[in-house]
Amino acid sequence: MLDGKTVLITGGSSGIGLATAQLMAKNGARVAITGTDPHKLETARALLGDDALAIQTDVTKSEDLARMQIVLKEEFGELNVLFANAGVAFGTPLGKTDEVMYTKLMDVNVKGVFFSVQTVLPLLSENASVILNTSWLNQIGTPGKALLSASKAAVRSFARVMSAELVERKIRVNCVSPGSIETPIHRNPNETDEHFRAYAERIGKQVPIGRMGRAEEIAGAVLFLASDASAYMLGSEIVVDGGRAEL
């Protein structure tokens, strides 16, 4: 589906990003991933093979993004697919959230996405596909998740506005909206497997389909949006949430 295409996945060293990188590489793409942890990046790159690029990048820092662009231009020349996936998730109760929490969440989830797209814009080829990672939370009001929900609603809006700006270049911008997915973003440091399984079971009972999702299930939707099979989609959102925001 992606033979000969070049792909950048931000936040690609674990979870949805890594699962997507593996699937795209399996489907013929040459993949670059970013992340902030050099050890996780190297482990992920080894899984993807010698043809993959791993670029240590903090998407909230302009100097990191500029360096990322230089590496991509040198190695790829042009970019056919961007999956702006890097993000953070944590609770922000109205009465207990401080400015540090606000800044961290909004900087990664909103600023990071916007400037990741802006940075690679000169490299994007005609008919390139940009996929933004939003969330089922952009559709509903969940107590304690005000900032996370707002950040993901902003990303959903980006897909529409960026599509309108880039349509003359024949660049498509769409987004994927995951539900509760079993990835490291849901796991606390030093948490035992037993404790996480109990958490996953509890959250799974809140989902109409009866379980948390798997990273590979989101990767499949992203692959579709990256491929020519979705050529008639523009500014759209694919919701992959087990029915959580729909039923």
C-alpha atoms as a PDB file:
ATOM      1  CA  MET A   1       0.000   0.000   0.000  1.00  0.00           C
ATOM      2  CA  LEU A   2       2.895   2.372   0.688  1.00  0.00           C
ATOM      3  CA  ASP A   3       5.644   0.999  -1.548  1.00  0.00           C
ATOM      4  CA  GLY A   4       8.436   3.533  -1.916  1.00  0.00           C
ATOM      5  CA  LYS A   5       6.795   6.177   0.264  1.00  0.00           C
ATOM      6  CA  THR A   6       8.511   8.064   3.064  1.00  0.00           C
ATOM      7  CA  VAL A   7       6.779   8.400   6.425  1.00  0.00           C
ATOM      8  CA  LEU A   8       7.390  10.441   9.575  1.00  0.00           C
ATOM      9  CA  ILE A   9       5.730   9.408  12.836  1.00  0.00           C
ATOM     10  CA  THR A  10       6.180  11.673  15.831  1.00  0.00           C
ATOM     11  CA  GLY A  11       6.053   9.883  19.164  1.00  0.00           C
ATOM     12  CA  GLY A  12       6.969   6.693  17.330  1.00  0.00           C
ATOM     13  CA  SER A  13       9.037   4.875  19.948  1.00  0.00           C
ATOM     14  CA  SER A  14       6.138   3.129  21.689  1.00  0.00           C
ATOM     15  CA  GLY A  15       2.396   2.537  21.710  1.00  0.00           C
ATOM     16  CA  ILE A  16       0.308   3.634  18.746  1.00  0.00           C
ATOM     17  CA  GLY A  17       3.257   5.339  17.067  1.00  0.00           C
ATOM     18  CA  LEU A  18       5.476   2.271  17.105  1.00  0.00           C
ATOM     19  CA  ALA A  19       2.670  -0.080  16.048  1.00  0.00           C
ATOM     20  CA  THR A  20       1.930   2.241  13.131  1.00  0.00           C
ATOM     21  CA  ALA A  21       5.600   2.476  12.164  1.00  0.00           C
ATOM     22  CA  GLN A  22       5.864  -1.317  12.096  1.00  0.00           C
ATOM     23  CA  LEU A  23       2.728  -1.673   9.980  1.00  0.00           C
ATOM     24  CA  MET A  24       3.803   0.994   7.508  1.00  0.00           C
ATOM     25  CA  ALA A  25       7.280  -0.503   7.167  1.00  0.00           C
ATOM     26  CA  LYS A  26       5.657  -3.893   6.551  1.00  0.00           C
ATOM     27  CA  ASN A  27       3.644  -2.251   3.764  1.00  0.00           C
ATOM     28  CA  GLY A  28       6.684  -0.938   1.921  1.00  0.00           C
ATOM     29  CA  ALA A  29       7.322   2.492   3.439  1.00  0.00           C
ATOM     30  CA  ARG A  30      10.597   3.901   4.650  1.00  0.00           C
ATOM     31  CA  VAL A  31       9.850   5.181   8.137  1.00  0.00           C
ATOM     32  CA  ALA A  32      11.296   7.850  10.421  1.00  0.00           C
ATOM     33  CA  ILE A  33      10.208   8.034  14.062  1.00  0.00           C
ATOM     34  CA  THR A  34      10.766  10.640  16.744  1.00  0.00           C
ATOM     35  CA  GLY A  35      10.771  10.522  20.518  1.00  0.00           C
ATOM     36  CA  THR A  36      12.475  12.084  23.508  1.00  0.00           C
ATOM     37  CA  ASP A  37      14.010   8.993  25.135  1.00  0.00           C
ATOM     38  CA  PRO A  38      17.154   7.878  23.237  1.00  0.00           C
ATOM     39  CA  HIS A  39      17.046   4.346  24.625  1.00  0.00           C
ATOM     40  CA  LYS A  40      13.418   3.776  23.632  1.00  0.00           C
ATOM     41  CA  LEU A  41      14.165   5.278  20.226  1.00  0.00           C
ATOM     42  CA  GLU A  42      17.066   2.917  19.589  1.00  0.00           C
ATOM     43  CA  THR A  43      15.022  -0.095  20.710  1.00  0.00           C
ATOM     44  CA  ALA A  44      12.218   0.922  18.354  1.00  0.00           C
ATOM     45  CA  ARG A  45      14.616   1.549  15.478  1.00  0.00           C
ATOM     46  CA  ALA A  46      16.067  -1.933  15.928  1.00  0.00           C
ATOM     47  CA  LEU A  47      12.562  -3.394  15.650  1.00  0.00           C
ATOM     48  CA  LEU A  48      11.941  -1.425  12.460  1.00  0.00           C
ATOM     49  CA  GLY A  49      15.210  -2.399  10.764  1.00  0.00           C
ATOM     50  CA  ASP A  50      18.302  -0.660   9.473  1.00  0.00           C
ATOM     51  CA  ASP A  51      16.386   1.341   6.866  1.00  0.00           C
ATOM     52  CA  ALA A  52      14.439   3.224   9.545  1.00  0.00           C
ATOM     53  CA  LEU A  53      15.415   6.588  10.992  1.00  0.00           C
ATOM     54  CA  ALA A  54      15.157   7.459  14.680  1.00  0.00           C
ATOM     55  CA  ILE A  55      15.437  11.183  15.420  1.00  0.00           C
ATOM     56  CA  GLN A  56      15.497  12.367  19.017  1.00  0.00           C
ATOM     57  CA  THR A  57      13.014  15.233  19.024  1.00  0.00           C
ATOM     58  CA  ASP A  58      10.977  17.159  21.557  1.00  0.00           C
ATOM     59  CA  VAL A  59       8.074  18.498  19.489  1.00  0.00           C
ATOM     60  CA  THR A  60       7.684  21.471  21.833  1.00  0.00           C
ATOM     61  CA  LYS A  61      11.180  22.777  21.008  1.00  0.00           C
ATOM     62  CA  SER A  62      11.737  24.706  17.784  1.00  0.00           C
ATOM     63  CA  GLU A  63      15.428  23.829  17.637  1.00  0.00           C
ATOM     64  CA  ASP A  64      14.631  20.105  17.807  1.00  0.00           C
ATOM     65  CA  LEU A  65      12.055  20.421  15.048  1.00  0.00           C
ATOM     66  CA  ALA A  66      14.482  22.363  12.867  1.00  0.00           C
ATOM     67  CA  ARG A  67      17.115  19.646  13.306  1.00  0.00           C
ATOM     68  CA  MET A  68      14.503  17.003  12.501  1.00  0.00           C
ATOM     69  CA  GLN A  69      13.673  18.785   9.252  1.00  0.00           C
ATOM     70  CA  ILE A  70      17.346  18.852   8.238  1.00  0.00           C
ATOM     71  CA  VAL A  71      17.734  15.113   8.843  1.00  0.00           C
ATOM     72  CA  LEU A  72      14.560  14.302   6.920  1.00  0.00           C
ATOM     73  CA  LYS A  73      15.597  16.456   3.970  1.00  0.00           C
ATOM     74  CA  GLU A  74      19.031  14.823   3.848  1.00  0.00           C
ATOM     75  CA  GLU A  75      17.730  11.263   4.188  1.00  0.00           C
ATOM     76  CA  PHE A  76      14.351  11.362   2.443  1.00  0.00           C
ATOM     77  CA  GLY A  77      14.413  14.432   0.220  1.00  0.00           C
ATOM     78  CA  GLU A  78      10.641  14.693   0.372  1.00  0.00           C
ATOM     79  CA  LEU A  79       7.983  13.370   2.733  1.00  0.00           C
ATOM     80  CA  ASN A  80       4.871  11.527   1.587  1.00  0.00           C
ATOM     81  CA  VAL A  81       3.176  10.837   4.930  1.00  0.00           C
ATOM     82  CA  LEU A  82       3.156  12.544   8.338  1.00  0.00           C
ATOM     83  CA  PHE A  83       1.485  10.973  11.358  1.00  0.00           C
ATOM     84  CA  ALA A  84       1.508  13.664  14.070  1.00  0.00           C
ATOM     85  CA  ASN A  85       1.092  11.286  16.954  1.00  0.00           C
ATOM     86  CA  ALA A  86       3.210  12.638  19.833  1.00  0.00           C
ATOM     87  CA  GLY A  87       1.071  13.487  22.837  1.00  0.00           C
ATOM     88  CA  VAL A  88       0.600  13.263  26.580  1.00  0.00           C
ATOM     89  CA  ALA A  89      -2.453  12.357  28.653  1.00  0.00           C
ATOM     90  CA  PHE A  90      -3.238  12.989  32.295  1.00  0.00           C
ATOM     91  CA  GLY A  91      -6.123  14.246  34.407  1.00  0.00           C
ATOM     92  CA  THR A  92      -6.611  17.971  34.977  1.00  0.00           C
ATOM     93  CA  PRO A  93      -9.435  18.418  37.529  1.00  0.00           C
ATOM     94  CA  LEU A  94     -10.751  21.964  37.501  1.00  0.00           C
ATOM     95  CA  GLY A  95      -9.889  22.676  41.131  1.00  0.00           C
ATOM     96  CA  LYS A  96      -6.488  20.977  41.213  1.00  0.00           C
ATOM     97  CA  THR A  97      -4.743  21.856  37.955  1.00  0.00           C
ATOM     98  CA  ASP A  98      -1.838  24.300  38.010  1.00  0.00           C
ATOM     99  CA  GLU A  99      -0.103  26.235  35.235  1.00  0.00           C
ATOM    100  CA  VAL A 100       2.730  23.716  34.960  1.00  0.00           C
ATOM    101  CA  MET A 101       0.248  20.932  34.143  1.00  0.00           C
ATOM    102  CA  TYR A 102      -1.620  23.204  31.738  1.00  0.00           C
ATOM    103  CA  THR A 103       1.520  24.234  29.894  1.00  0.00           C
ATOM    104  CA  LYS A 104       2.913  20.715  29.566  1.00  0.00           C
ATOM    105  CA  LEU A 105      -0.293  19.226  28.172  1.00  0.00           C
ATOM    106  CA  MET A 106      -1.124  22.055  25.802  1.00  0.00           C
ATOM    107  CA  ASP A 107       2.458  22.472  24.606  1.00  0.00           C
ATOM    108  CA  VAL A 108       2.797  18.839  23.564  1.00  0.00           C
ATOM    109  CA  ASN A 109      -0.734  18.153  22.328  1.00  0.00           C
ATOM    110  CA  VAL A 110      -1.502  21.441  20.564  1.00  0.00           C
ATOM    111  CA  LYS A 111       1.692  23.424  19.996  1.00  0.00           C
ATOM    112  CA  GLY A 112       3.648  20.261  19.199  1.00  0.00           C
ATOM    113  CA  VAL A 113       1.168  19.104  16.574  1.00  0.00           C
ATOM    114  CA  PHE A 114       0.860  22.508  14.913  1.00  0.00           C
ATOM    115  CA  PHE A 115       4.581  23.122  14.625  1.00  0.00           C
ATOM    116  CA  SER A 116       5.360  19.533  13.622  1.00  0.00           C
ATOM    117  CA  VAL A 117       3.139  20.023  10.570  1.00  0.00           C
ATOM    118  CA  GLN A 118       4.558  23.483   9.903  1.00  0.00           C
ATOM    119  CA  THR A 119       8.143  22.182  10.113  1.00  0.00           C
ATOM    120  CA  VAL A 120       7.693  19.456   7.501  1.00  0.00           C
ATOM    121  CA  LEU A 121       5.460  21.526   5.229  1.00  0.00           C
ATOM    122  CA  PRO A 122       8.311  22.389   2.810  1.00  0.00           C
ATOM    123  CA  LEU A 123       9.103  18.674   2.478  1.00  0.00           C
ATOM    124  CA  LEU A 124       5.571  17.429   1.826  1.00  0.00           C
ATOM    125  CA  SER A 125       5.090  16.100  -1.670  1.00  0.00           C
ATOM    126  CA  GLU A 126       2.088  16.613  -3.899  1.00  0.00           C
ATOM    127  CA  ASN A 127      -0.633  14.167  -2.814  1.00  0.00           C
ATOM    128  CA  ALA A 128       0.990  13.788   0.605  1.00  0.00           C
ATOM    129  CA  SER A 129      -1.172  12.578   3.486  1.00  0.00           C
ATOM    130  CA  VAL A 130      -1.088  14.182   6.934  1.00  0.00           C
ATOM    131  CA  ILE A 131      -2.766  12.302   9.777  1.00  0.00           C
ATOM    132  CA  LEU A 132      -3.334  13.912  13.162  1.00  0.00           C
ATOM    133  CA  ASN A 133      -3.965  11.889  16.315  1.00  0.00           C
ATOM    134  CA  THR A 134      -6.926  13.250  18.251  1.00  0.00           C
ATOM    135  CA  SER A 135      -9.181  11.333  20.698  1.00  0.00           C
ATOM    136  CA  TRP A 136     -12.718  10.190  21.404  1.00  0.00           C
ATOM    137  CA  LEU A 137     -12.624  12.769  24.222  1.00  0.00           C
ATOM    138  CA  ASN A 138     -12.996  15.585  21.687  1.00  0.00           C
ATOM    139  CA  GLN A 139     -16.696  14.696  21.386  1.00  0.00           C
ATOM    140  CA  ILE A 140     -17.897  14.434  24.971  1.00  0.00           C
ATOM    141  CA  GLY A 141     -17.567  15.994  28.423  1.00  0.00           C
ATOM    142  CA  THR A 142     -15.581  13.751  30.768  1.00  0.00           C
ATOM    143  CA  PRO A 143     -15.026  14.981  34.340  1.00  0.00           C
ATOM    144  CA  GLY A 144     -11.384  15.721  35.117  1.00  0.00           C
ATOM    145  CA  LYS A 145     -10.318  15.713  31.461  1.00  0.00           C
ATOM    146  CA  ALA A 146     -10.980  19.332  30.487  1.00  0.00           C
ATOM    147  CA  LEU A 147      -7.543  20.142  29.114  1.00  0.00           C
ATOM    148  CA  LEU A 148      -6.952  16.785  27.448  1.00  0.00           C
ATOM    149  CA  SER A 149     -10.357  16.996  25.776  1.00  0.00           C
ATOM    150  CA  ALA A 150      -9.782  20.611  24.721  1.00  0.00           C
ATOM    151  CA  SER A 151      -6.355  19.814  23.314  1.00  0.00           C
ATOM    152  CA  LYS A 152      -7.761  16.991  21.228  1.00  0.00           C
ATOM    153  CA  ALA A 153     -10.674  19.138  20.060  1.00  0.00           C
ATOM    154  CA  ALA A 154      -8.076  21.663  18.867  1.00  0.00           C
ATOM    155  CA  VAL A 155      -6.326  18.923  16.896  1.00  0.00           C
ATOM    156  CA  ARG A 156      -9.654  17.931  15.358  1.00  0.00           C
ATOM    157  CA  SER A 157     -10.100  21.545  14.262  1.00  0.00           C
ATOM    158  CA  PHE A 158      -6.560  21.591  12.845  1.00  0.00           C
ATOM    159  CA  ALA A 159      -7.509  18.799  10.435  1.00  0.00           C
ATOM    160  CA  ARG A 160     -10.289  20.911   8.947  1.00  0.00           C
ATOM    161  CA  VAL A 161      -8.410  24.208   8.722  1.00  0.00           C
ATOM    162  CA  MET A 162      -5.128  22.699   7.522  1.00  0.00           C
ATOM    163  CA  SER A 163      -7.063  20.800   4.849  1.00  0.00           C
ATOM    164  CA  ALA A 164      -8.547  24.065   3.612  1.00  0.00           C
ATOM    165  CA  GLU A 165      -5.095  25.669   3.507  1.00  0.00           C
ATOM    166  CA  LEU A 166      -3.307  22.782   1.809  1.00  0.00           C
ATOM    167  CA  VAL A 167      -5.910  21.498  -0.643  1.00  0.00           C
ATOM    168  CA  GLU A 168      -4.405  23.549  -3.498  1.00  0.00           C
ATOM    169  CA  ARG A 169      -1.157  21.603  -2.992  1.00  0.00           C
ATOM    170  CA  LYS A 170      -3.223  18.383  -3.132  1.00  0.00           C
ATOM    171  CA  ILE A 171      -2.172  17.551   0.434  1.00  0.00           C
ATOM    172  CA  ARG A 172      -4.823  15.740   2.463  1.00  0.00           C
ATOM    173  CA  VAL A 173      -5.178  16.244   6.216  1.00  0.00           C
ATOM    174  CA  ASN A 174      -7.341  13.823   8.212  1.00  0.00           C
ATOM    175  CA  CYS A 175      -7.322  12.516  11.750  1.00  0.00           C
ATOM    176  CA  VAL A 176      -7.738   9.302  13.675  1.00  0.00           C
ATOM    177  CA  SER A 177      -9.596   9.360  16.979  1.00  0.00           C
ATOM    178  CA  PRO A 178      -8.603   6.497  19.302  1.00  0.00           C
ATOM    179  CA  GLY A 179     -10.586   5.390  22.316  1.00  0.00           C
ATOM    180  CA  SER A 180      -8.984   3.843  25.392  1.00  0.00           C
ATOM    181  CA  ILE A 181      -6.015   1.927  24.015  1.00  0.00           C
ATOM    182  CA  GLU A 182      -3.661  -0.380  25.951  1.00  0.00           C
ATOM    183  CA  THR A 183      -0.449   1.610  25.554  1.00  0.00           C
ATOM    184  CA  PRO A 184       2.263   2.947  27.900  1.00  0.00           C
ATOM    185  CA  ILE A 185       0.489   6.318  28.053  1.00  0.00           C
ATOM    186  CA  HIS A 186      -2.051   4.672  30.389  1.00  0.00           C
ATOM    187  CA  ARG A 187       0.565   3.024  32.572  1.00  0.00           C
ATOM    188  CA  ASN A 188       2.172   4.622  35.622  1.00  0.00           C
ATOM    189  CA  PRO A 189       5.930   4.259  36.185  1.00  0.00           C
ATOM    190  CA  ASN A 190       6.812   1.120  38.180  1.00  0.00           C
ATOM    191  CA  GLU A 191       3.228  -0.144  37.930  1.00  0.00           C
ATOM    192  CA  THR A 192       2.957  -3.933  38.161  1.00  0.00           C
ATOM    193  CA  ASP A 193       1.451  -5.996  35.364  1.00  0.00           C
ATOM    194  CA  GLU A 194      -1.222  -7.202  37.768  1.00  0.00           C
ATOM    195  CA  HIS A 195      -2.242  -3.653  38.653  1.00  0.00           C
ATOM    196  CA  PHE A 196      -2.337  -2.589  34.998  1.00  0.00           C
ATOM    197  CA  ARG A 197      -4.419  -5.624  34.012  1.00  0.00           C
ATOM    198  CA  ALA A 198      -6.938  -4.719  36.706  1.00  0.00           C
ATOM    199  CA  TYR A 199      -7.025  -1.158  35.353  1.00  0.00           C
ATOM    200  CA  ALA A 200      -7.467  -2.378  31.766  1.00  0.00           C
ATOM    201  CA  GLU A 201     -10.302  -4.668  32.807  1.00  0.00           C
ATOM    202  CA  ARG A 202     -12.054  -1.860  34.682  1.00  0.00           C
ATOM    203  CA  ILE A 203     -11.754   0.575  31.771  1.00  0.00           C
ATOM    204  CA  GLY A 204     -12.743  -2.126  29.285  1.00  0.00           C
ATOM    205  CA  LYS A 205     -16.072  -2.534  31.060  1.00  0.00           C
ATOM    206  CA  GLN A 206     -16.844   1.113  30.265  1.00  0.00           C
ATOM    207  CA  VAL A 207     -16.463   0.486  26.522  1.00  0.00           C
ATOM    208  CA  PRO A 208     -19.507  -0.851  24.619  1.00  0.00           C
ATOM    209  CA  ILE A 209     -17.384  -3.442  22.813  1.00  0.00           C
ATOM    210  CA  GLY A 210     -16.224  -4.738  26.198  1.00  0.00           C
ATOM    211  CA  ARG A 211     -12.466  -4.141  26.209  1.00  0.00           C
ATOM    212  CA  MET A 212      -9.707  -1.588  25.706  1.00  0.00           C
ATOM    213  CA  GLY A 213      -8.361  -1.275  22.197  1.00  0.00           C
ATOM    214  CA  ARG A 214      -5.003  -2.406  20.851  1.00  0.00           C
ATOM    215  CA  ALA A 215      -2.412  -0.139  19.255  1.00  0.00           C
ATOM    216  CA  GLU A 216      -2.495  -2.290  16.110  1.00  0.00           C
ATOM    217  CA  GLU A 217      -6.175  -1.440  15.633  1.00  0.00           C
ATOM    218  CA  ILE A 218      -5.370   2.264  15.463  1.00  0.00           C
ATOM    219  CA  ALA A 219      -2.396   1.579  13.202  1.00  0.00           C
ATOM    220  CA  GLY A 220      -4.707  -0.041  10.656  1.00  0.00           C
ATOM    221  CA  ALA A 221      -6.838   3.093  10.462  1.00  0.00           C
ATOM    222  CA  VAL A 222      -3.761   5.295  10.079  1.00  0.00           C
ATOM    223  CA  LEU A 223      -2.442   3.067   7.290  1.00  0.00           C
ATOM    224  CA  PHE A 224      -5.733   3.502   5.452  1.00  0.00           C
ATOM    225  CA  LEU A 225      -5.556   7.295   5.799  1.00  0.00           C
ATOM    226  CA  ALA A 226      -1.938   7.277   4.626  1.00  0.00           C
ATOM    227  CA  SER A 227      -2.724   5.230   1.527  1.00  0.00           C
ATOM    228  CA  ASP A 228      -4.381   6.085  -1.767  1.00  0.00           C
ATOM    229  CA  ALA A 229      -7.414   4.082  -0.608  1.00  0.00           C
ATOM    230  CA  SER A 230      -8.499   7.196   1.317  1.00  0.00           C
ATOM    231  CA  ALA A 231      -7.819   9.613  -1.561  1.00  0.00           C
ATOM    232  CA  TYR A 232     -11.352  11.077  -1.389  1.00  0.00           C
ATOM    233  CA  MET A 233     -11.155  11.919   2.324  1.00  0.00           C
ATOM    234  CA  LEU A 234     -10.283  15.444   3.401  1.00  0.00           C
ATOM    235  CA  GLY A 235     -10.591  16.993   6.876  1.00  0.00           C
ATOM    236  CA  SER A 236     -12.221  13.804   8.113  1.00  0.00           C
ATOM    237  CA  GLU A 237     -12.021  11.851  11.362  1.00  0.00           C
ATOM    238  CA  ILE A 238     -11.986   8.083  11.786  1.00  0.00           C
ATOM    239  CA  VAL A 239     -13.174   7.174  15.281  1.00  0.00           C
ATOM    240  CA  VAL A 240     -11.751   3.877  16.573  1.00  0.00           C
ATOM    241  CA  ASP A 241     -13.048   3.699  20.128  1.00  0.00           C
ATOM    242  CA  GLY A 242     -15.118   0.535  20.539  1.00  0.00           C
ATOM    243  CA  GLY A 243     -18.234   2.679  20.427  1.00  0.00           C
ATOM    244  CA  ARG A 244     -17.346   4.638  23.560  1.00  0.00           C
ATOM    245  CA  ALA A 245     -18.170   8.086  22.181  1.00  0.00           C
ATOM    246  CA  GLU A 246     -20.933   6.877  19.860  1.00  0.00           C
ATOM    247  CA  LEU A 247     -23.208   4.590  21.899  1.00  0.00           C
END
